[in-house]
Amino acid sequence: MRVLVVGGSGFLGREVCRRGVRVGLSVVGTFHSGEIGVPGVAARRLDVTDRAAVRALVAEVRPDAVVATPNRYDDWTVTADGAAHVALAAAQVGARLVHLSSDALHGGRPQPYADDEPPSPVNAYGAAKAAAETAVRAIDPGAALVRTSLILGEGSKQIQLCRDALAGRAVLFTDEVRCPVDVTDLADAVLELAQSSYAGLLNVAGVDAVSRAELGLLVAERFGLDATGLKTTTAAAVGVVRPSGVRLDSARAAGLLRTRLRGVRELLA
C-alpha cells in the first residue's frame, strides 16, 4: 500500500511517515520548508496553496491513501484552501483520504463534544479548520475526518511550552481545557483509518481532560522540574480569544480502533 503524507515534515506528519515505514507501507511525504528526515520515506517538496502543483504530485505518486495534515495557525490559505486542494487531488485519483482536523473549531463548554457536532469557532484558526472540514466533506463524502487535540511526545511544542512556563518564560491558561493525545497513538490511529472504510467525523484524542496549567504541573512532575515558578493566567484576563473548555468524547474511536488512546496522566506518569 502506498501512502502519501501531505505535511510529512510536521510533528504529526513525520510520525505518520515513521510508523508507516515501520509497518511495511510505501510512504511518500511532502515538505514545504522543513525536512522529513525519516529513512525509507520518499520526500517531495510541495506548496499546498498551489492547486495545480498538488494535483500534479498526487497524479504522479498515485497513492492508495492520502493523509492530509496541511496546517498553519495564522494562514487561512494553507489550512483551509490547502485542505481543499489535497481533497480534490485525492478524489481525482480515487485515493482514500484521511484529513486531520482539530478541536480548535469548537468554542468550548462544560459538556464533552460528540464526533458529529457542528463547529462553533471563536477565532480565525478555528474558522479555517471548520472551512477545511466543509470543503473535504463536500469533495469526498467517503473521507475520514479526524478531530484531535493537543499532540504530545518527544519534540512536542506543547511540552516545550510547559517547560517555558515552568521557567517563567511563558504563561499557561487555567481556563483552556483540552484532551491531549500522544503523537504515536494518533499516528497509529490515522494509519488504521487510512486502511479502513470509515467515513465522516471522528474524535481521536486522549481520555483525560486537563487545563494547560494542569498539563504544566504534570510535565513538572514527570521531568522532576520545580513547579513553584509556573506562570498561569486566564485567556480572558489577557484578552486572548481562544476555545475554552473543549473536551472531545472519543468513545467511538475507542470502539472502532485497535490503537489505544492513552490519557495524558498515563503518558506523563
Protein backbone atom coordinates (compact mmCIF):
# COMPACT_ATOMS: atom_id res chain seq x y z
CA MET A 1 0.00 0.00 0.00
CA ARG A 2 1.32 3.44 -0.95
CA VAL A 3 0.54 6.32 1.40
CA LEU A 4 1.11 9.99 0.64
CA VAL A 5 1.55 12.09 3.79
CA VAL A 6 0.92 15.73 2.99
CA GLY A 7 2.80 17.68 5.65
CA GLY A 8 5.31 14.95 6.31
CA SER A 9 7.78 17.37 7.87
CA GLY A 10 5.34 18.40 10.60
CA PHE A 11 5.28 16.92 14.08
CA LEU A 12 2.41 14.52 13.38
CA GLY A 13 3.19 14.00 9.70
CA ARG A 14 6.72 12.88 10.44
CA GLU A 15 5.44 10.34 12.97
CA VAL A 16 2.89 9.02 10.45
CA CYS A 17 5.73 8.60 7.97
CA ARG A 18 7.94 6.87 10.52
CA ARG A 19 5.30 4.43 11.69
CA GLY A 20 4.07 3.79 8.15
CA VAL A 21 7.53 2.65 7.11
CA ARG A 22 7.76 0.54 10.26
CA VAL A 23 4.67 -1.48 9.31
CA GLY A 24 5.85 -2.01 5.73
CA LEU A 25 3.93 0.66 3.83
CA SER A 26 5.37 2.54 0.87
CA VAL A 27 5.45 6.13 2.13
CA VAL A 28 5.86 9.39 0.25
CA GLY A 29 5.97 12.50 2.42
CA THR A 30 5.76 16.14 1.41
CA PHE A 31 7.53 19.12 2.93
CA HIS A 32 7.49 22.83 2.26
CA SER A 33 10.34 24.43 4.16
CA GLY A 34 11.48 21.82 6.68
CA GLU A 35 12.84 18.32 6.30
CA ILE A 36 11.23 14.94 6.88
CA GLY A 37 14.40 13.02 7.74
CA VAL A 38 12.77 9.59 8.03
CA PRO A 39 14.69 6.70 6.42
CA GLY A 40 12.65 4.89 3.80
CA VAL A 41 10.38 7.86 3.04
CA ALA A 42 10.45 9.42 -0.41
CA ALA A 43 10.41 13.17 0.29
CA ARG A 44 8.84 15.62 -2.14
CA ARG A 45 8.55 19.39 -1.85
CA LEU A 46 5.01 20.73 -2.12
CA ASP A 47 3.17 24.02 -1.65
CA VAL A 48 -0.41 23.06 -0.79
CA THR A 49 -1.66 26.52 -1.77
CA ASP A 50 -0.72 25.73 -5.40
CA ARG A 51 -3.66 23.66 -6.60
CA ALA A 52 -2.00 22.66 -9.87
CA ALA A 53 1.13 21.51 -8.06
CA VAL A 54 -0.91 19.43 -5.63
CA ARG A 55 -2.83 17.81 -8.47
CA ALA A 56 0.36 17.05 -10.40
CA LEU A 57 2.13 15.46 -7.44
CA VAL A 58 -0.80 13.29 -6.43
CA ALA A 59 -1.30 12.19 -10.05
CA GLU A 60 2.39 11.26 -10.24
CA VAL A 61 2.55 9.40 -6.91
CA ARG A 62 -0.81 7.63 -7.43
CA PRO A 63 -1.23 6.79 -3.73
CA ASP A 64 -3.74 4.32 -2.37
CA ALA A 65 -4.32 6.65 0.57
CA VAL A 66 -3.58 10.27 1.39
CA VAL A 67 -3.07 11.55 4.94
CA ALA A 68 -3.65 15.30 4.84
CA THR A 69 -2.20 17.48 7.59
CA PRO A 70 -1.92 20.94 5.95
CA ASN A 71 -1.93 23.41 8.81
CA ARG A 72 -0.56 26.84 9.66
CA TYR A 73 -2.06 28.66 12.61
CA ASP A 74 -2.22 32.12 11.08
CA ASP A 75 -2.68 31.20 7.41
CA TRP A 76 -6.17 30.52 6.06
CA THR A 77 -4.82 29.66 2.61
CA VAL A 78 -2.72 26.77 3.93
CA THR A 79 -5.20 25.47 6.50
CA ALA A 80 -8.46 25.77 4.57
CA ASP A 81 -7.65 26.12 0.86
CA GLY A 82 -4.74 23.69 1.10
CA ALA A 83 -7.03 21.04 2.57
CA ALA A 84 -9.47 21.51 -0.32
CA HIS A 85 -6.68 21.22 -2.90
CA VAL A 86 -5.48 17.95 -1.38
CA ALA A 87 -9.01 16.54 -1.20
CA LEU A 88 -9.67 17.38 -4.85
CA ALA A 89 -6.43 15.79 -5.99
CA ALA A 90 -7.01 12.65 -3.92
CA ALA A 91 -10.54 12.28 -5.29
CA GLN A 92 -9.29 12.58 -8.86
CA VAL A 93 -7.05 9.53 -8.48
CA GLY A 94 -9.51 7.59 -6.30
CA ALA A 95 -7.29 7.65 -3.21
CA ARG A 96 -8.58 7.06 0.28
CA LEU A 97 -8.39 10.34 2.26
CA VAL A 98 -7.78 10.88 5.96
CA HIS A 99 -7.99 14.58 6.81
CA LEU A 100 -6.62 15.90 10.12
CA SER A 101 -8.85 18.44 11.80
CA SER A 102 -8.78 19.98 15.28
CA ASP A 103 -10.79 20.52 18.44
CA ALA A 104 -9.98 24.23 17.96
CA LEU A 105 -13.07 24.53 15.76
CA HIS A 106 -15.23 24.25 18.89
CA GLY A 107 -15.84 27.24 21.12
CA GLY A 108 -15.86 25.46 24.46
CA ARG A 109 -18.42 24.33 27.06
CA PRO A 110 -18.57 22.08 30.15
CA GLN A 111 -20.05 19.07 28.29
CA PRO A 112 -17.91 16.89 26.01
CA TYR A 113 -18.28 17.26 22.25
CA ALA A 114 -19.51 14.25 20.27
CA ASP A 115 -17.95 13.31 16.92
CA ASP A 116 -20.61 14.82 14.70
CA GLU A 117 -21.25 18.12 16.45
CA PRO A 118 -21.13 21.19 14.19
CA PRO A 119 -18.24 23.63 14.56
CA SER A 120 -18.58 26.72 16.75
CA PRO A 121 -15.29 28.56 16.15
CA VAL A 122 -14.37 31.63 18.18
CA ASN A 123 -11.24 32.70 16.27
CA ALA A 124 -9.80 32.71 12.75
CA TYR A 125 -7.88 29.46 13.18
CA GLY A 126 -10.97 27.59 14.33
CA ALA A 127 -12.90 29.04 11.40
CA ALA A 128 -10.20 27.90 8.99
CA LYS A 129 -10.32 24.35 10.36
CA ALA A 130 -14.12 24.38 10.08
CA ALA A 131 -13.91 25.60 6.48
CA ALA A 132 -11.42 22.84 5.69
CA GLU A 133 -13.83 20.22 7.01
CA THR A 134 -16.69 21.66 4.97
CA ALA A 135 -14.62 21.52 1.78
CA VAL A 136 -13.35 17.99 2.41
CA ARG A 137 -16.81 16.61 3.19
CA ALA A 138 -18.25 18.22 0.04
CA ILE A 139 -15.46 16.91 -2.18
CA ASP A 140 -15.18 13.41 -0.71
CA PRO A 141 -18.07 12.14 1.45
CA GLY A 142 -16.13 8.92 1.99
CA ALA A 143 -13.17 10.62 3.65
CA ALA A 144 -12.33 10.19 7.33
CA LEU A 145 -12.03 13.49 9.19
CA VAL A 146 -10.08 13.22 12.43
CA ARG A 147 -10.69 15.82 15.12
CA THR A 148 -7.83 15.72 17.57
CA SER A 149 -6.42 17.80 20.42
CA LEU A 150 -3.04 18.87 21.81
CA ILE A 151 -0.39 16.50 20.48
CA LEU A 152 2.29 15.36 22.93
CA GLY A 153 5.50 13.41 22.52
CA GLU A 154 9.25 13.90 22.12
CA GLY A 155 9.78 17.27 20.48
CA SER A 156 6.21 18.43 21.10
CA LYS A 157 5.65 22.20 21.11
CA GLN A 158 3.09 21.62 23.86
CA ILE A 159 5.68 20.09 26.19
CA GLN A 160 8.16 22.85 25.39
CA LEU A 161 5.53 25.50 26.17
CA CYS A 162 5.03 23.90 29.58
CA ARG A 163 8.80 23.88 30.20
CA ASP A 164 8.97 27.54 29.24
CA ALA A 165 6.13 28.40 31.63
CA LEU A 166 7.83 26.48 34.44
CA ALA A 167 10.95 28.54 33.78
CA GLY A 168 8.99 31.79 33.79
CA ARG A 169 9.36 32.37 30.04
CA ALA A 170 5.72 31.75 29.09
CA VAL A 171 2.23 31.64 30.61
CA LEU A 172 -0.26 28.77 30.72
CA PHE A 173 -4.02 29.32 30.79
CA THR A 174 -6.14 27.84 33.56
CA ASP A 175 -9.37 28.25 31.57
CA GLU A 176 -8.36 26.37 28.41
CA VAL A 177 -9.20 22.67 28.76
CA ARG A 178 -8.20 20.10 26.16
CA CYS A 179 -7.70 16.32 25.79
CA PRO A 180 -4.01 15.76 24.93
CA VAL A 181 -3.04 12.76 22.82
CA ASP A 182 0.28 11.04 22.25
CA VAL A 183 1.74 11.53 18.76
CA THR A 184 2.43 7.81 18.33
CA ASP A 185 -1.12 6.87 19.32
CA LEU A 186 -2.54 9.45 16.91
CA ALA A 187 -0.25 8.36 14.07
CA ASP A 188 -1.23 4.71 14.53
CA ALA A 189 -4.90 5.65 14.59
CA VAL A 190 -4.51 7.67 11.40
CA LEU A 191 -2.82 4.76 9.62
CA GLU A 192 -5.58 2.43 10.77
CA LEU A 193 -8.15 4.78 9.31
CA ALA A 194 -6.20 5.03 6.06
CA GLN A 195 -6.66 1.28 5.67
CA SER A 196 -10.33 1.29 6.68
CA SER A 197 -13.57 2.41 5.08
CA TYR A 198 -14.70 4.68 7.91
CA ALA A 199 -16.35 7.82 6.56
CA GLY A 200 -17.12 11.06 8.37
CA LEU A 201 -16.05 12.78 11.56
CA LEU A 202 -14.19 11.02 14.34
CA ASN A 203 -12.82 12.38 17.60
CA VAL A 204 -9.37 10.91 18.24
CA ALA A 205 -7.97 12.30 21.48
CA GLY A 206 -6.81 11.23 24.92
CA VAL A 207 -9.22 10.24 27.66
CA ASP A 208 -8.07 12.89 30.17
CA ALA A 209 -9.34 16.48 30.03
CA VAL A 210 -6.87 18.91 31.60
CA SER A 211 -6.23 22.63 31.52
CA ARG A 212 -2.99 23.91 30.06
CA ALA A 213 -1.96 24.87 33.59
CA GLU A 214 -2.65 21.32 34.82
CA LEU A 215 -0.62 19.99 31.91
CA GLY A 216 2.26 22.17 33.08
CA LEU A 217 2.12 20.59 36.54
CA LEU A 218 2.09 17.10 35.04
CA VAL A 219 5.13 17.97 32.94
CA ALA A 220 6.91 19.28 36.03
CA GLU A 221 6.20 16.07 37.93
CA ARG A 222 7.22 13.85 35.01
CA PHE A 223 10.57 15.55 34.44
CA GLY A 224 11.35 16.48 38.03
CA LEU A 225 11.07 20.22 37.46
CA ASP A 226 10.31 22.85 40.09
CA ALA A 227 6.67 23.90 39.71
CA THR A 228 6.78 26.84 42.11
CA GLY A 229 7.64 29.27 39.33
CA LEU A 230 4.86 28.14 36.99
CA LYS A 231 3.26 31.19 35.43
CA THR A 232 -0.51 30.94 34.87
CA THR A 233 -3.37 33.24 33.96
CA THR A 234 -6.65 33.07 32.04
CA ALA A 235 -7.19 33.75 28.37
CA ALA A 236 -9.99 36.10 29.36
CA ALA A 237 -7.68 38.11 31.61
CA VAL A 238 -5.20 38.83 28.82
CA GLY A 239 -7.86 39.36 26.15
CA VAL A 240 -6.93 36.34 24.04
CA VAL A 241 -9.82 34.80 22.10
CA ARG A 242 -9.33 31.04 22.26
CA PRO A 243 -11.55 27.98 22.74
CA SER A 244 -12.12 27.39 26.45
CA GLY A 245 -13.31 24.01 27.73
CA VAL A 246 -13.05 21.66 24.75
CA ARG A 247 -13.46 18.05 25.81
CA LEU A 248 -13.65 15.52 22.97
CA ASP A 249 -15.66 12.36 23.52
CA SER A 250 -13.53 9.72 21.77
CA ALA A 251 -15.65 6.71 22.73
CA ARG A 252 -16.49 5.95 19.10
CA ALA A 253 -12.80 5.83 18.17
CA ALA A 254 -12.02 3.66 21.19
CA GLY A 255 -14.58 1.10 20.00
CA LEU A 256 -13.52 1.29 16.35
CA LEU A 257 -9.72 1.29 16.51
CA ARG A 258 -7.17 -1.25 17.71
CA THR A 259 -4.94 1.62 18.82
CA ARG A 260 -5.46 2.54 22.47
CA LEU A 261 -5.72 6.29 23.00
CA ARG A 262 -3.89 6.90 26.24
CA GLY A 263 -4.68 9.79 28.56
CA VAL A 264 -2.15 12.43 29.49
CA ARG A 265 -1.88 11.23 33.08
CA GLU A 266 -0.75 7.82 31.85
CA LEU A 267 1.56 9.35 29.27
CA LEU A 268 3.31 11.55 31.84
CA ALA A 269 3.21 9.11 34.76
